PDB file of N, CA and C in Angstrom:
ATOM      1  N   MET A   1       7.118  21.472   4.350  1.00  0.00           N
ATOM      2  CA  MET A   1       7.161  20.038   3.458  1.00  0.00           C
ATOM      3  C   MET A   1       8.118  19.226   4.295  1.00  0.00           C
ATOM      4  N   GLN A   2       9.342  20.239   4.071  1.00  0.00           N
ATOM      5  CA  GLN A   2      10.455  18.878   4.798  1.00  0.00           C
ATOM      6  C   GLN A   2       9.763  18.114   6.309  1.00  0.00           C
ATOM      7  N   ASP A   3       9.622  18.749   7.315  1.00  0.00           N
ATOM      8  CA  ASP A   3       9.550  18.593   8.147  1.00  0.00           C
ATOM      9  C   ASP A   3       7.987  16.838   7.821  1.00  0.00           C
ATOM     10  N   LEU A   4       7.337  17.299   7.406  1.00  0.00           N
ATOM     11  CA  LEU A   4       6.498  16.318   6.129  1.00  0.00           C
ATOM     12  C   LEU A   4       7.038  15.605   6.494  1.00  0.00           C
ATOM     13  N   ARG A   5       8.449  15.319   5.525  1.00  0.00           N
ATOM     14  CA  ARG A   5       8.929  14.230   4.655  1.00  0.00           C
ATOM     15  C   ARG A   5       9.706  13.636   6.003  1.00  0.00           C
ATOM     16  N   ALA A   6      10.505  14.582   6.474  1.00  0.00           N
ATOM     17  CA  ALA A   6      11.461  13.599   7.642  1.00  0.00           C
ATOM     18  C   ALA A   6      10.375  12.898   8.240  1.00  0.00           C
ATOM     19  N   GLU A   7       9.682  13.278   8.856  1.00  0.00           N
ATOM     20  CA  GLU A   7       8.304  12.659   9.888  1.00  0.00           C
ATOM     21  C   GLU A   7       7.838  11.015   9.504  1.00  0.00           C
ATOM     22  N   LEU A   8       7.985  11.255   8.183  1.00  0.00           N
ATOM     23  CA  LEU A   8       7.412  10.175   7.038  1.00  0.00           C
ATOM     24  C   LEU A   8       8.542   9.163   7.009  1.00  0.00           C
ATOM     25  N   VAL A   9       9.885   9.739   6.917  1.00  0.00           N
ATOM     26  CA  VAL A   9      11.088   8.792   6.227  1.00  0.00           C
ATOM     27  C   VAL A   9      10.967   8.167   8.125  1.00  0.00           C
ATOM     28  N   GLU A  10      10.646   8.886   9.198  1.00  0.00           N
ATOM     29  CA  GLU A  10      10.825   8.297  10.425  1.00  0.00           C
ATOM     30  C   GLU A  10      10.206   7.294  10.905  1.00  0.00           C
ATOM     31  N   SER A  11       8.693   7.354   9.951  1.00  0.00           N
ATOM     32  CA  SER A  11       7.827   6.691  10.080  1.00  0.00           C
ATOM     33  C   SER A  11       7.707   4.580   9.267  1.00  0.00           C
ATOM     34  N   LEU A  12       8.473   5.245   8.164  1.00  0.00           N
ATOM     35  CA  LEU A  12       8.859   3.879   7.450  1.00  0.00           C
ATOM     36  C   LEU A  12       9.314   3.300   8.291  1.00  0.00           C
ATOM     37  N   ASP A  13       8.321   1.330   8.025  1.00  0.00           N
ATOM     38  CA  ASP A  13       8.923   0.265   8.753  1.00  0.00           C
ATOM     39  C   ASP A  13       7.940  -0.269   7.404  1.00  0.00           C
ATOM     40  N   GLU A  14       9.111  -2.437   7.658  1.00  0.00           N
ATOM     41  CA  GLU A  14       8.797  -2.849   7.161  1.00  0.00           C
ATOM     42  C   GLU A  14       7.691  -3.511   7.797  1.00  0.00           C
ATOM     43  N   ALA A  15       6.966  -4.630   7.044  1.00  0.00           N
ATOM     44  CA  ALA A  15       5.603  -4.871   8.232  1.00  0.00           C
ATOM     45  C   ALA A  15       5.200  -6.526   7.388  1.00  0.00           C
ATOM     46  N   GLU A  16       4.701  -7.528   8.210  1.00  0.00           N
ATOM     47  CA  GLU A  16       4.593  -8.901   7.829  1.00  0.00           C
ATOM     48  C   GLU A  16       3.046  -8.602   7.040  1.00  0.00           C
ATOM     49  N   TRP A  17       2.689  -9.426   5.933  1.00  0.00           N
ATOM     50  CA  TRP A  17       1.562  -9.523   5.779  1.00  0.00           C
ATOM     51  C   TRP A  17       0.317  -9.519   6.874  1.00  0.00           C
ATOM     52  N   ASN A  18       0.400 -10.530   8.394  1.00  0.00           N
ATOM     53  CA  ASN A  18      -0.146 -11.165   9.250  1.00  0.00           C
ATOM     54  C   ASN A  18      -0.794  -9.476   9.420  1.00  0.00           C
ATOM     55  N   TRP A  19       0.254  -8.317   9.840  1.00  0.00           N
ATOM     56  CA  TRP A  19       0.288  -7.981  10.527  1.00  0.00           C
ATOM     57  C   TRP A  19      -0.841  -6.640  10.179  1.00  0.00           C
ATOM     58  N   LEU A  20      -0.794  -6.577   8.612  1.00  0.00           N
ATOM     59  CA  LEU A  20      -1.422  -5.793   7.627  1.00  0.00           C
ATOM     60  C   LEU A  20      -3.074  -6.127   7.855  1.00  0.00           C
ATOM     61  N   ILE A  21      -3.212  -7.896   7.576  1.00  0.00           N
ATOM     62  CA  ILE A  21      -5.008  -8.190   7.407  1.00  0.00           C
ATOM     63  C   ILE A  21      -5.889  -7.399   8.073  1.00  0.00           C
ATOM     64  N   PRO A  22      -5.834  -6.793   9.645  1.00  0.00           N
ATOM     65  CA  PRO A  22      -6.833  -5.806  10.015  1.00  0.00           C
ATOM     66  C   PRO A  22      -7.555  -4.383   8.599  1.00  0.00           C
ATOM     67  N   HIS A  23      -5.818  -4.343   8.641  1.00  0.00           N
ATOM     68  CA  HIS A  23      -5.901  -2.497   7.491  1.00  0.00           C
ATOM     69  C   HIS A  23      -7.140  -3.146   6.534  1.00  0.00           C
ATOM     70  N   VAL A  24      -6.282  -4.120   5.943  1.00  0.00           N
ATOM     71  CA  VAL A  24      -6.907  -4.735   5.017  1.00  0.00           C
ATOM     72  C   VAL A  24      -8.676  -5.146   4.779  1.00  0.00           C
ATOM     73  N   GLN A  25      -9.024  -5.264   6.081  1.00  0.00           N
ATOM     74  CA  GLN A  25     -10.340  -5.407   6.389  1.00  0.00           C
ATOM     75  C   GLN A  25     -11.131  -4.155   6.579  1.00  0.00           C
ATOM     76  N   ARG A  26     -10.086  -3.053   6.958  1.00  0.00           N
ATOM     77  CA  ARG A  26     -11.151  -1.938   7.464  1.00  0.00           C
ATOM     78  C   ARG A  26     -10.899  -0.983   5.793  1.00  0.00           C
ATOM     79  N   ASP A  27     -10.626  -1.904   4.338  1.00  0.00           N
ATOM     80  CA  ASP A  27      -9.873  -1.103   3.817  1.00  0.00           C
ATOM     81  C   ASP A  27      -9.444   0.156   3.722  1.00  0.00           C
ATOM     82  N   ALA A  28      -8.357   0.243   3.877  1.00  0.00           N
ATOM     83  CA  ALA A  28      -7.378   1.111   4.285  1.00  0.00           C
ATOM     84  C   ALA A  28      -6.297   0.838   3.716  1.00  0.00           C
ATOM     85  N   VAL A  29      -5.794   0.156   3.199  1.00  0.00           N
ATOM     86  CA  VAL A  29      -4.234  -0.351   2.475  1.00  0.00           C
ATOM     87  C   VAL A  29      -4.273  -0.265   1.586  1.00  0.00           C
ATOM     88  N   ILE A  30      -3.600   0.974   0.716  1.00  0.00           N
ATOM     89  CA  ILE A  30      -2.601   1.151  -0.490  1.00  0.00           C
ATOM     90  C   ILE A  30      -1.702   0.611  -1.230  1.00  0.00           C
ATOM     91  N   VAL A  31      -2.028  -0.157  -2.041  1.00  0.00           N
ATOM     92  CA  VAL A  31      -0.693  -0.536  -2.592  1.00  0.00           C
ATOM     93  C   VAL A  31       0.161   0.496  -3.445  1.00  0.00           C
ATOM     94  N   VAL A  32       1.855   0.511  -3.514  1.00  0.00           N
ATOM     95  CA  VAL A  32       2.336   1.401  -4.286  1.00  0.00           C
ATOM     96  C   VAL A  32       3.087   0.212  -5.009  1.00  0.00           C
ATOM     97  N   THR A  33       3.501   0.583  -6.439  1.00  0.00           N
ATOM     98  CA  THR A  33       3.983  -0.216  -7.149  1.00  0.00           C
ATOM     99  C   THR A  33       5.392   0.701  -6.989  1.00  0.00           C
ATOM    100  N   GLU A  34       6.147  -0.005  -7.485  1.00  0.00           N
ATOM    101  CA  GLU A  34       7.963  -0.290  -6.956  1.00  0.00           C
ATOM    102  C   GLU A  34       8.425   1.337  -7.710  1.00  0.00           C
ATOM    103  N   GLN A  35       7.667   1.366  -8.982  1.00  0.00           N
ATOM    104  CA  GLN A  35       8.018   2.814  -9.732  1.00  0.00           C
ATOM    105  C   GLN A  35       8.197   4.314  -8.627  1.00  0.00           C
ATOM    106  N   LEU A  36       7.063   4.027  -7.767  1.00  0.00           N
ATOM    107  CA  LEU A  36       7.079   5.301  -6.904  1.00  0.00           C
ATOM    108  C   LEU A  36       7.703   4.577  -5.996  1.00  0.00           C
ATOM    109  N   ASP A  37       8.156   6.252  -4.896  1.00  0.00           N
ATOM    110  CA  ASP A  37       9.104   6.613  -3.822  1.00  0.00           C
ATOM    111  C   ASP A  37       7.696   6.220  -2.790  1.00  0.00           C
ATOM    112  N   LEU A  38       7.757   5.216  -1.950  1.00  0.00           N
ATOM    113  CA  LEU A  38       7.014   5.195  -0.495  1.00  0.00           C
ATOM    114  C   LEU A  38       6.571   6.464   0.448  1.00  0.00           C
ATOM    115  N   VAL A  39       7.178   7.338   0.387  1.00  0.00           N
ATOM    116  CA  VAL A  39       7.351   8.644   1.149  1.00  0.00           C
ATOM    117  C   VAL A  39       7.321   9.719   0.127  1.00  0.00           C
ATOM    118  N   ASP A  40       7.880   9.629  -1.148  1.00  0.00           N
ATOM    119  CA  ASP A  40       6.243  10.671  -2.215  1.00  0.00           C
ATOM    120  C   ASP A  40       5.106  10.667  -1.707  1.00  0.00           C
ATOM    121  N   VAL A  41       4.947   9.327  -1.999  1.00  0.00           N
ATOM    122  CA  VAL A  41       3.177   9.096  -2.214  1.00  0.00           C
ATOM    123  C   VAL A  41       2.579   9.475  -0.788  1.00  0.00           C
ATOM    124  N   GLY A  42       3.330   8.638   0.312  1.00  0.00           N
ATOM    125  CA  GLY A  42       2.865   9.647   1.578  1.00  0.00           C
ATOM    126  C   GLY A  42       3.367  10.974   1.846  1.00  0.00           C
ATOM    127  N   VAL A  43       3.749  12.016   0.858  1.00  0.00           N
ATOM    128  CA  VAL A  43       3.830  13.126   1.449  1.00  0.00           C
ATOM    129  C   VAL A  43       2.488  13.781   0.531  1.00  0.00           C
ATOM    130  N   ALA A  44       2.091  13.166  -0.634  1.00  0.00           N
ATOM    131  CA  ALA A  44       1.771  13.703  -1.353  1.00  0.00           C
ATOM    132  C   ALA A  44       0.060  13.686  -0.588  1.00  0.00           C
ATOM    133  N   LEU A  45      -0.314  12.372  -0.085  1.00  0.00           N
ATOM    134  CA  LEU A  45      -1.726  11.988   0.110  1.00  0.00           C
ATOM    135  C   LEU A  45      -1.711  13.277   2.082  1.00  0.00           C
ATOM    136  N   ALA A  46      -0.679  13.283   2.576  1.00  0.00           N
ATOM    137  CA  ALA A  46      -0.536  13.986   3.671  1.00  0.00           C
ATOM    138  C   ALA A  46      -1.280  15.587   3.475  1.00  0.00           C
ATOM    139  N   SER A  47      -0.399  15.915   2.889  1.00  0.00           N
ATOM    140  CA  SER A  47      -0.771  17.488   1.885  1.00  0.00           C
ATOM    141  C   SER A  47      -1.447  17.304   1.195  1.00  0.00           C
ATOM    142  N   ASP A  48      -2.517  16.471   0.376  1.00  0.00           N
ATOM    143  CA  ASP A  48      -3.873  16.422  -0.925  1.00  0.00           C
ATOM    144  C   ASP A  48      -2.902  17.440  -1.768  1.00  0.00           C
ATOM    145  N   ASN A  49      -2.454  16.571  -2.581  1.00  0.00           N
ATOM    146  CA  ASN A  49      -1.868  16.841  -3.826  1.00  0.00           C
ATOM    147  C   ASN A  49      -2.764  16.084  -4.581  1.00  0.00           C
ATOM    148  N   VAL A  50      -4.014  16.739  -4.623  1.00  0.00           N
ATOM    149  CA  VAL A  50      -5.353  16.198  -5.678  1.00  0.00           C
ATOM    150  C   VAL A  50      -4.232  15.289  -6.799  1.00  0.00           C
ATOM    151  N   THR A  51      -3.876  16.432  -7.194  1.00  0.00           N
ATOM    152  CA  THR A  51      -3.596  16.038  -9.344  1.00  0.00           C
ATOM    153  C   THR A  51      -2.014  14.825  -9.081  1.00  0.00           C
ATOM    154  N   SER A  52      -1.479  14.636  -8.090  1.00  0.00           N
ATOM    155  CA  SER A  52      -0.340  13.507  -8.817  1.00  0.00           C
ATOM    156  C   SER A  52      -1.144  12.431  -7.584  1.00  0.00           C
ATOM    157  N   VAL A  53      -1.381  12.425  -7.139  1.00  0.00           N
ATOM    158  CA  VAL A  53      -2.567  11.291  -6.067  1.00  0.00           C
ATOM    159  C   VAL A  53      -3.298  10.694  -7.418  1.00  0.00           C
ATOM    160  N   GLN A  54      -4.271  11.489  -8.554  1.00  0.00           N
ATOM    161  CA  GLN A  54      -5.278  11.117  -9.429  1.00  0.00           C
ATOM    162  C   GLN A  54      -4.949  10.513 -10.209  1.00  0.00           C
ATOM    163  N   SER A  55      -3.194  11.043 -10.652  1.00  0.00           N
ATOM    164  CA  SER A  55      -2.377  10.641 -11.847  1.00  0.00           C
ATOM    165  C   SER A  55      -2.207   9.267 -11.392  1.00  0.00           C
ATOM    166  N   TRP A  56      -1.710   8.754 -10.043  1.00  0.00           N
ATOM    167  CA  TRP A  56      -1.363   8.162  -9.803  1.00  0.00           C
ATOM    168  C   TRP A  56      -2.241   6.377 -10.004  1.00  0.00           C
ATOM    169  N   ILE A  57      -3.335   7.662  -9.810  1.00  0.00           N
ATOM    170  CA  ILE A  57      -4.702   5.906  -9.833  1.00  0.00           C
ATOM    171  C   ILE A  57      -4.440   5.889 -11.242  1.00  0.00           C
ATOM    172  N   GLU A  58      -4.689   7.208 -11.454  1.00  0.00           N
ATOM    173  CA  GLU A  58      -4.951   6.604 -13.223  1.00  0.00           C
ATOM    174  C   GLU A  58      -4.321   5.904 -13.364  1.00  0.00           C
ATOM    175  N   GLU A  59      -2.562   5.916 -13.470  1.00  0.00           N
ATOM    176  CA  GLU A  59      -1.790   5.457 -13.812  1.00  0.00           C
ATOM    177  C   GLU A  59      -1.762   3.675 -13.664  1.00  0.00           C
ATOM    178  N   GLN A  60      -2.195   3.660 -12.646  1.00  0.00           N
ATOM    179  CA  GLN A  60      -2.534   2.413 -11.756  1.00  0.00           C
ATOM    180  C   GLN A  60      -0.887   1.840 -11.291  1.00  0.00           C
ATOM    181  N   LEU A  61      -0.347   3.027 -10.625  1.00  0.00           N
ATOM    182  CA  LEU A  61       1.075   3.126  -9.774  1.00  0.00           C
ATOM    183  C   LEU A  61       0.502   3.052  -7.981  1.00  0.00           C
ATOM    184  N   ILE A  62      -0.743   3.426  -7.876  1.00  0.00           N
ATOM    185  CA  ILE A  62      -0.713   3.160  -6.463  1.00  0.00           C
ATOM    186  C   ILE A  62      -3.061   3.010  -6.738  1.00  0.00           C
ATOM    187  N   HIS A  63      -2.626   1.745  -5.921  1.00  0.00           N
ATOM    188  CA  HIS A  63      -4.303   1.079  -5.581  1.00  0.00           C
ATOM    189  C   HIS A  63      -4.663   0.178  -4.823  1.00  0.00           C
ATOM    190  N   LYS A  64      -6.029  -0.347  -4.416  1.00  0.00           N
ATOM    191  CA  LYS A  64      -6.313  -1.182  -3.384  1.00  0.00           C
ATOM    192  C   LYS A  64      -5.332  -2.625  -3.758  1.00  0.00           C
ATOM    193  N   PRO A  65      -5.572  -3.712  -3.099  1.00  0.00           N
ATOM    194  CA  PRO A  65      -5.245  -4.804  -3.298  1.00  0.00           C
ATOM    195  C   PRO A  65      -6.073  -5.365  -4.413  1.00  0.00           C
ATOM    196  N   SER A  66      -5.229  -6.557  -5.073  1.00  0.00           N
ATOM    197  CA  SER A  66      -6.215  -6.913  -6.202  1.00  0.00           C
ATOM    198  C   SER A  66      -6.668  -7.868  -5.216  1.00  0.00           C
ATOM    199  N   VAL A  67      -7.793  -8.955  -5.621  1.00  0.00           N
ATOM    200  CA  VAL A  67      -8.064 -10.568  -5.448  1.00  0.00           C
ATOM    201  C   VAL A  67      -6.684 -11.164  -5.436  1.00  0.00           C
ATOM    202  N   SER A  68      -6.299 -11.342  -6.898  1.00  0.00           N
ATOM    203  CA  SER A  68      -5.260 -11.284  -6.434  1.00  0.00           C
ATOM    204  C   SER A  68      -3.611 -11.894  -5.749  1.00  0.00           C
ATOM    205  N   GLN A  69      -3.552 -10.835  -5.511  1.00  0.00           N
ATOM    206  CA  GLN A  69      -2.198 -10.126  -4.694  1.00  0.00           C
ATOM    207  C   GLN A  69      -3.342 -10.702  -3.233  1.00  0.00           C
ATOM    208  N   LEU A  70      -4.654 -10.100  -2.828  1.00  0.00           N
ATOM    209  CA  LEU A  70      -4.648 -10.772  -1.415  1.00  0.00           C
ATOM    210  C   LEU A  70      -4.678 -12.088  -1.588  1.00  0.00           C
ATOM    211  N   SER A  71      -5.208 -13.393  -2.300  1.00  0.00           N
ATOM    212  CA  SER A  71      -4.945 -14.681  -2.526  1.00  0.00           C
ATOM    213  C   SER A  71      -3.534 -15.038  -2.155  1.00  0.00           C
ATOM    214  N   ASP A  72      -2.299 -14.041  -3.065  1.00  0.00           N
ATOM    215  CA  ASP A  72      -1.634 -14.843  -3.027  1.00  0.00           C
ATOM    216  C   ASP A  72      -0.535 -14.055  -1.679  1.00  0.00           C
ATOM    217  N   TRP A  73      -0.916 -13.566  -1.217  1.00  0.00           N
ATOM    218  CA  TRP A  73      -0.622 -12.935   0.357  1.00  0.00           C
ATOM    219  C   TRP A  73      -1.004 -13.219   1.478  1.00  0.00           C
ATOM    220  N   ASN A  74      -2.389 -14.160   0.975  1.00  0.00           N
ATOM    221  CA  ASN A  74      -2.651 -14.197   2.576  1.00  0.00           C
ATOM    222  C   ASN A  74      -2.044 -15.977   2.162  1.00  0.00           C
ATOM    223  N   GLY A  75      -1.652 -16.724   1.380  1.00  0.00           N
ATOM    224  CA  GLY A  75      -1.332 -17.814   1.290  1.00  0.00           C
ATOM    225  C   GLY A  75       0.783 -17.816   1.982  1.00  0.00           C
ATOM    226  N   ASP A  76       0.842 -16.552   2.442  1.00  0.00           N
ATOM    227  CA  ASP A  76       1.759 -16.322   2.519  1.00  0.00           C
ATOM    228  C   ASP A  76       1.810 -15.445   3.902  1.00  0.00           C
ATOM    229  N   ARG A  77       1.765 -15.677   4.595  1.00  0.00           N
ATOM    230  CA  ARG A  77       1.445 -14.912   5.698  1.00  0.00           C
ATOM    231  C   ARG A  77       2.814 -13.698   6.160  1.00  0.00           C
ATOM    232  N   THR A  78       3.888 -14.148   6.475  1.00  0.00           N
ATOM    233  CA  THR A  78       4.680 -13.708   6.523  1.00  0.00           C
ATOM    234  C   THR A  78       5.482 -12.983   5.865  1.00  0.00           C
ATOM    235  N   LYS A  79       5.245 -12.983   4.524  1.00  0.00           N
ATOM    236  CA  LYS A  79       5.490 -12.125   3.460  1.00  0.00           C
ATOM    237  C   LYS A  79       5.835 -10.179   3.639  1.00  0.00           C
ATOM    238  N   ARG A  80       6.437  -9.915   3.298  1.00  0.00           N
ATOM    239  CA  ARG A  80       7.065  -8.856   4.238  1.00  0.00           C
ATOM    240  C   ARG A  80       7.110  -7.516   3.495  1.00  0.00           C
ATOM    241  N   PHE A  81       6.562  -6.490   3.545  1.00  0.00           N
ATOM    242  CA  PHE A  81       6.562  -5.576   2.631  1.00  0.00           C
ATOM    243  C   PHE A  81       6.946  -3.810   3.050  1.00  0.00           C
ATOM    244  N   ASN A  82       7.392  -3.033   2.508  1.00  0.00           N
ATOM    245  CA  ASN A  82       7.385  -1.446   3.547  1.00  0.00           C
ATOM    246  C   ASN A  82       6.537  -0.841   3.651  1.00  0.00           C
ATOM    247  N   SER A  83       6.503  -0.748   4.499  1.00  0.00           N
ATOM    248  CA  SER A  83       4.656   0.069   4.862  1.00  0.00           C
ATOM    249  C   SER A  83       5.061   1.364   5.625  1.00  0.00           C
ATOM    250  N   LEU A  84       3.953   2.077   5.776  1.00  0.00           N
ATOM    251  CA  LEU A  84       3.736   3.498   5.778  1.00  0.00           C
ATOM    252  C   LEU A  84       1.966   4.298   6.364  1.00  0.00           C
ATOM    253  N   ILE A  85       2.741   4.970   7.657  1.00  0.00           N
ATOM    254  CA  ILE A  85       1.028   4.854   7.926  1.00  0.00           C
ATOM    255  C   ILE A  85       0.665   6.702   8.177  1.00  0.00           C
ATOM    256  N   VAL A  86      -0.506   6.624   6.858  1.00  0.00           N
ATOM    257  CA  VAL A  86      -0.513   8.224   6.208  1.00  0.00           C
ATOM    258  C   VAL A  86      -1.950   7.830   6.571  1.00  0.00           C
ATOM    259  N   GLN A  87      -2.176   8.219   8.301  1.00  0.00           N
ATOM    260  CA  GLN A  87      -3.688   8.532   8.311  1.00  0.00           C
ATOM    261  C   GLN A  87      -4.953   8.473   7.665  1.00  0.00           C
ATOM    262  N   PRO A  88      -5.626   8.213   7.468  1.00  0.00           N
ATOM    263  CA  PRO A  88      -6.208   7.044   8.153  1.00  0.00           C
ATOM    264  C   PRO A  88      -5.499   5.641   6.940  1.00  0.00           C
ATOM    265  N   PHE A  89      -4.644   5.655   6.171  1.00  0.00           N
ATOM    266  CA  PHE A  89      -4.291   4.572   4.956  1.00  0.00           C
ATOM    267  C   PHE A  89      -3.056   3.936   5.714  1.00  0.00           C
ATOM    268  N   VAL A  90      -2.615   2.801   4.943  1.00  0.00           N
ATOM    269  CA  VAL A  90      -1.324   2.226   5.430  1.00  0.00           C
ATOM    270  C   VAL A  90      -1.097   1.782   3.636  1.00  0.00           C
ATOM    271  N   LEU A  91       0.377   2.345   3.125  1.00  0.00           N
ATOM    272  CA  LEU A  91       0.846   2.204   1.750  1.00  0.00           C
ATOM    273  C   LEU A  91       1.769   1.952   2.384  1.00  0.00           C
ATOM    274  N   ILE A  92       1.653   0.653   1.146  1.00  0.00           N
ATOM    275  CA  ILE A  92       2.452  -0.643   1.818  1.00  0.00           C
ATOM    276  C   ILE A  92       3.229  -1.065   0.003  1.00  0.00           C
ATOM    277  N   GLN A  93       4.261  -1.532   0.274  1.00  0.00           N
ATOM    278  CA  GLN A  93       5.296  -1.654  -0.998  1.00  0.00           C
ATOM    279  C   GLN A  93       5.504  -2.836  -1.233  1.00  0.00           C
ATOM    280  N   GLU A  94       5.764  -3.954  -2.090  1.00  0.00           N
ATOM    281  CA  GLU A  94       6.374  -5.214  -1.799  1.00  0.00           C
ATOM    282  C   GLU A  94       7.884  -5.400  -1.427  1.00  0.00           C
ATOM    283  N   LEU A  95       7.975  -5.982  -0.421  1.00  0.00           N
ATOM    284  CA  LEU A  95       9.955  -6.554  -0.914  1.00  0.00           C
ATOM    285  C   LEU A  95       9.957  -6.988  -1.657  1.00  0.00           C
ATOM    286  N   PRO A  96      11.639  -7.429  -2.590  1.00  0.00           N
ATOM    287  CA  PRO A  96      11.533  -8.536  -3.256  1.00  0.00           C
ATOM    288  C   PRO A  96      11.889  -9.315  -2.379  1.00  0.00           C
ATOM    289  N   ALA A  97      12.002 -11.011  -2.742  1.00  0.00           N
ATOM    290  CA  ALA A  97      11.479 -12.074  -2.460  1.00  0.00           C
ATOM    291  C   ALA A  97      13.160 -12.496  -1.773  1.00  0.00           C
TER     292      ALA A  97
END
């Protein structure tokens, strides 16, 4: 598990919205709220921790981008996010403006 966490920490990066659009189009983007650590969510997804993931979904701490979020982000294609690829998903977390 430590190796997975270390690998994901190394993969953590920033991305502009413009770069994420193709992943949204294939329905692969998951928004992670600021209450959660992006790497923790990545570890849970990669290790198939259904209990944690289901709990976060129910609490709306992770979700697909909403129509209003997509509209806002499409209006500012240089908006930046922390991002983490956990195949087949791309986890994103808004960076403060």
